[in-house]
């Protein structure tokens, strides 16, 4: 999965996921399988599990990190 620093928030609506949500891991994987744009904050999700990373790679996601705030991460599916 490519990781890119971006100067601004990517366009579109992003589903936010946090480890504070019930069943967050299953929700994260489901969003990836549906190829929805996802956002998360490092404070509420310091690392992504191998299962989540594998699904993101399988679904051809790009990992975007906001240049002005490295704690804000965005995951966008690339065209297949």
N, C-alpha and C. Protein backbone atom coordinates (compact mmCIF):
# COMPACT_ATOMS: atom_id res chain seq x y z
N UNK A 1 0.86 -1.18 0.00
CA UNK A 1 0.00 0.00 0.00
C UNK A 1 0.90 1.24 0.00
N UNK A 2 0.63 2.14 -0.91
CA UNK A 2 1.39 3.39 -0.99
C UNK A 2 0.98 4.33 0.14
N UNK A 3 1.97 5.02 0.72
CA UNK A 3 1.71 6.04 1.73
C UNK A 3 2.20 7.37 1.17
N UNK A 4 1.33 8.38 1.23
CA UNK A 4 1.61 9.68 0.65
C UNK A 4 1.27 10.77 1.66
N UNK A 5 2.17 11.77 1.79
CA UNK A 5 1.85 12.96 2.58
C UNK A 5 1.03 13.89 1.69
N UNK A 6 -0.08 14.40 2.22
CA UNK A 6 -0.95 15.29 1.45
C UNK A 6 -1.09 16.63 2.16
N UNK A 7 -1.21 17.69 1.38
CA UNK A 7 -1.33 19.03 1.97
C UNK A 7 -2.73 19.34 2.46
N UNK A 8 -3.73 18.66 1.90
CA UNK A 8 -5.11 18.93 2.31
C UNK A 8 -5.91 17.64 2.40
N UNK A 9 -7.04 17.75 3.05
CA UNK A 9 -7.93 16.60 3.19
C UNK A 9 -8.41 16.21 1.79
N UNK A 10 -8.33 14.92 1.47
CA UNK A 10 -8.81 14.48 0.16
C UNK A 10 -10.31 14.76 0.00
N UNK A 11 -10.76 14.99 -1.23
CA UNK A 11 -12.18 15.26 -1.45
C UNK A 11 -13.04 14.03 -1.15
N UNK A 12 -14.29 14.26 -0.82
CA UNK A 12 -15.23 13.17 -0.57
C UNK A 12 -15.52 12.97 0.90
N UNK A 13 -16.44 12.07 1.14
CA UNK A 13 -16.84 11.76 2.52
C UNK A 13 -16.10 10.51 2.98
N UNK A 14 -15.56 10.57 4.18
CA UNK A 14 -14.81 9.46 4.75
C UNK A 14 -15.53 8.93 5.97
N UNK A 15 -15.57 7.61 6.09
CA UNK A 15 -16.12 6.97 7.28
C UNK A 15 -15.02 6.96 8.34
N UNK A 16 -15.32 7.49 9.52
CA UNK A 16 -14.32 7.51 10.59
C UNK A 16 -14.42 6.23 11.42
N UNK A 17 -13.25 5.66 11.72
CA UNK A 17 -13.20 4.45 12.54
C UNK A 17 -12.25 4.71 13.71
N UNK A 18 -12.63 4.19 14.86
CA UNK A 18 -11.85 4.36 16.09
C UNK A 18 -11.93 3.08 16.91
N UNK A 19 -10.87 2.78 17.65
CA UNK A 19 -10.90 1.58 18.50
C UNK A 19 -11.88 1.74 19.65
N UNK A 20 -12.41 2.94 19.83
CA UNK A 20 -13.40 3.17 20.87
C UNK A 20 -14.80 2.74 20.43
N UNK A 21 -14.96 2.40 19.15
CA UNK A 21 -16.26 1.96 18.63
C UNK A 21 -16.43 0.47 18.91
N UNK A 22 -17.69 0.05 19.15
CA UNK A 22 -17.91 -1.39 19.29
C UNK A 22 -17.64 -2.09 17.95
N UNK A 23 -17.02 -3.25 18.00
CA UNK A 23 -16.71 -4.04 16.80
C UNK A 23 -15.96 -3.24 15.74
N UNK A 24 -15.05 -2.38 16.19
CA UNK A 24 -14.34 -1.49 15.27
C UNK A 24 -13.55 -2.25 14.20
N UNK A 25 -12.94 -3.37 14.60
CA UNK A 25 -12.10 -4.09 13.64
C UNK A 25 -12.95 -4.69 12.51
N UNK A 26 -14.08 -5.28 12.87
CA UNK A 26 -14.98 -5.85 11.85
C UNK A 26 -15.53 -4.73 10.96
N UNK A 27 -15.84 -3.59 11.55
CA UNK A 27 -16.34 -2.45 10.78
C UNK A 27 -15.28 -1.95 9.81
N UNK A 28 -14.04 -1.85 10.27
CA UNK A 28 -12.94 -1.38 9.43
C UNK A 28 -12.77 -2.31 8.22
N UNK A 29 -12.75 -3.60 8.48
CA UNK A 29 -12.58 -4.58 7.39
C UNK A 29 -13.76 -4.52 6.43
N UNK A 30 -14.98 -4.37 6.95
CA UNK A 30 -16.16 -4.29 6.09
C UNK A 30 -16.10 -3.04 5.19
N UNK A 31 -15.70 -1.91 5.76
CA UNK A 31 -15.57 -0.69 4.96
C UNK A 31 -14.53 -0.88 3.85
N UNK A 32 -13.43 -1.55 4.18
CA UNK A 32 -12.39 -1.81 3.17
C UNK A 32 -12.92 -2.74 2.08
N UNK A 33 -13.64 -3.78 2.47
CA UNK A 33 -14.20 -4.71 1.48
C UNK A 33 -15.20 -4.02 0.56
N UNK A 34 -15.91 -3.03 1.10
CA UNK A 34 -16.87 -2.27 0.30
C UNK A 34 -16.19 -1.12 -0.46
N UNK A 35 -14.87 -0.96 -0.24
CA UNK A 35 -14.05 0.06 -0.90
C UNK A 35 -14.54 1.48 -0.60
N UNK A 36 -14.91 1.71 0.65
CA UNK A 36 -15.32 3.04 1.11
C UNK A 36 -14.10 3.81 1.58
N UNK A 37 -14.07 5.13 1.38
CA UNK A 37 -13.00 5.94 1.96
C UNK A 37 -13.09 5.92 3.49
N UNK A 38 -11.94 5.81 4.14
CA UNK A 38 -11.88 5.65 5.59
C UNK A 38 -10.93 6.70 6.15
N UNK A 39 -11.28 7.23 7.33
CA UNK A 39 -10.34 8.11 8.04
C UNK A 39 -10.22 7.64 9.48
N UNK A 40 -9.05 7.93 10.04
CA UNK A 40 -8.85 7.62 11.46
C UNK A 40 -7.79 8.57 12.01
N UNK A 41 -7.77 8.65 13.31
CA UNK A 41 -6.83 9.51 14.02
C UNK A 41 -5.88 8.59 14.80
N UNK A 42 -4.60 8.86 14.75
CA UNK A 42 -3.62 8.01 15.40
C UNK A 42 -3.87 7.87 16.90
N UNK A 43 -4.41 8.91 17.53
CA UNK A 43 -4.70 8.83 18.97
C UNK A 43 -5.72 7.75 19.29
N UNK A 44 -6.66 7.53 18.38
CA UNK A 44 -7.70 6.52 18.64
C UNK A 44 -7.45 5.23 17.87
N UNK A 45 -6.37 5.18 17.09
CA UNK A 45 -6.01 3.96 16.38
C UNK A 45 -4.52 4.02 16.05
N UNK A 46 -3.69 3.70 17.03
CA UNK A 46 -2.24 3.86 16.85
C UNK A 46 -1.63 2.94 15.78
N UNK A 47 -2.17 1.76 15.61
CA UNK A 47 -1.66 0.84 14.59
C UNK A 47 -2.81 0.11 13.92
N UNK A 48 -2.56 -0.39 12.73
CA UNK A 48 -3.55 -1.20 12.02
C UNK A 48 -3.11 -2.66 12.10
N UNK A 49 -4.03 -3.53 12.44
CA UNK A 49 -3.69 -4.95 12.56
C UNK A 49 -3.30 -5.51 11.20
N UNK A 50 -2.64 -6.65 11.22
CA UNK A 50 -2.23 -7.31 9.97
C UNK A 50 -3.45 -7.64 9.13
N UNK A 51 -4.55 -8.10 9.74
CA UNK A 51 -5.77 -8.42 9.00
C UNK A 51 -6.29 -7.20 8.24
N UNK A 52 -6.29 -6.05 8.90
CA UNK A 52 -6.77 -4.82 8.27
C UNK A 52 -5.80 -4.41 7.16
N UNK A 53 -4.51 -4.44 7.43
CA UNK A 53 -3.53 -4.08 6.41
C UNK A 53 -3.65 -4.98 5.19
N UNK A 54 -3.80 -6.27 5.42
CA UNK A 54 -3.94 -7.22 4.30
C UNK A 54 -5.16 -6.90 3.45
N UNK A 55 -6.28 -6.56 4.10
CA UNK A 55 -7.50 -6.24 3.36
C UNK A 55 -7.33 -4.95 2.57
N UNK A 56 -6.69 -3.96 3.16
CA UNK A 56 -6.45 -2.70 2.46
C UNK A 56 -5.57 -2.91 1.22
N UNK A 57 -4.57 -3.75 1.34
CA UNK A 57 -3.71 -4.07 0.20
C UNK A 57 -4.51 -4.82 -0.86
N UNK A 58 -5.28 -5.78 -0.43
CA UNK A 58 -6.11 -6.57 -1.35
C UNK A 58 -7.08 -5.68 -2.13
N UNK A 59 -7.61 -4.66 -1.47
CA UNK A 59 -8.60 -3.78 -2.09
C UNK A 59 -7.96 -2.55 -2.76
N UNK A 60 -6.63 -2.52 -2.83
CA UNK A 60 -5.89 -1.46 -3.53
C UNK A 60 -6.13 -0.07 -2.94
N UNK A 61 -5.88 0.07 -1.65
CA UNK A 61 -6.02 1.36 -0.98
C UNK A 61 -4.71 2.14 -1.00
N UNK A 62 -4.84 3.44 -0.92
CA UNK A 62 -3.71 4.35 -0.78
C UNK A 62 -3.85 5.00 0.60
N UNK A 63 -2.73 5.10 1.33
CA UNK A 63 -2.70 5.64 2.68
C UNK A 63 -2.21 7.09 2.60
N UNK A 64 -3.07 8.03 2.94
CA UNK A 64 -2.74 9.45 2.89
C UNK A 64 -2.61 10.00 4.31
N UNK A 65 -1.53 10.74 4.56
CA UNK A 65 -1.30 11.35 5.87
C UNK A 65 -1.28 12.86 5.67
N UNK A 66 -2.04 13.56 6.48
CA UNK A 66 -2.13 15.00 6.37
C UNK A 66 -0.79 15.63 6.78
N UNK A 67 -0.21 16.41 5.89
CA UNK A 67 1.11 17.01 6.10
C UNK A 67 1.14 17.93 7.32
N UNK A 68 0.08 18.69 7.52
CA UNK A 68 0.04 19.64 8.63
C UNK A 68 -0.34 18.99 9.97
N UNK A 69 -0.80 17.76 9.93
CA UNK A 69 -1.20 17.05 11.15
C UNK A 69 -1.02 15.55 10.92
N UNK A 70 0.15 15.04 11.24
CA UNK A 70 0.48 13.64 10.94
C UNK A 70 -0.38 12.63 11.70
N UNK A 71 -1.22 13.10 12.60
CA UNK A 71 -2.11 12.20 13.33
C UNK A 71 -3.38 11.87 12.53
N UNK A 72 -3.66 12.63 11.48
CA UNK A 72 -4.86 12.41 10.68
C UNK A 72 -4.50 11.59 9.45
N UNK A 73 -5.15 10.41 9.35
CA UNK A 73 -4.86 9.48 8.26
C UNK A 73 -6.14 9.22 7.46
N UNK A 74 -5.96 9.08 6.15
CA UNK A 74 -7.06 8.83 5.23
C UNK A 74 -6.68 7.64 4.36
N UNK A 75 -7.64 6.79 4.10
CA UNK A 75 -7.43 5.63 3.25
C UNK A 75 -8.42 5.71 2.10
N UNK A 76 -7.89 5.72 0.89
CA UNK A 76 -8.76 5.84 -0.28
C UNK A 76 -8.50 4.67 -1.23
N UNK A 77 -9.58 4.07 -1.73
CA UNK A 77 -9.39 2.98 -2.69
C UNK A 77 -8.96 3.54 -4.05
N UNK A 78 -7.99 2.91 -4.66
CA UNK A 78 -7.55 3.30 -5.98
C UNK A 78 -8.39 2.56 -7.02
N UNK A 79 -8.44 3.09 -8.21
CA UNK A 79 -9.15 2.40 -9.29
C UNK A 79 -8.45 1.10 -9.59
N UNK A 80 -9.22 0.08 -9.85
CA UNK A 80 -8.63 -1.23 -10.17
C UNK A 80 -8.26 -1.29 -11.62
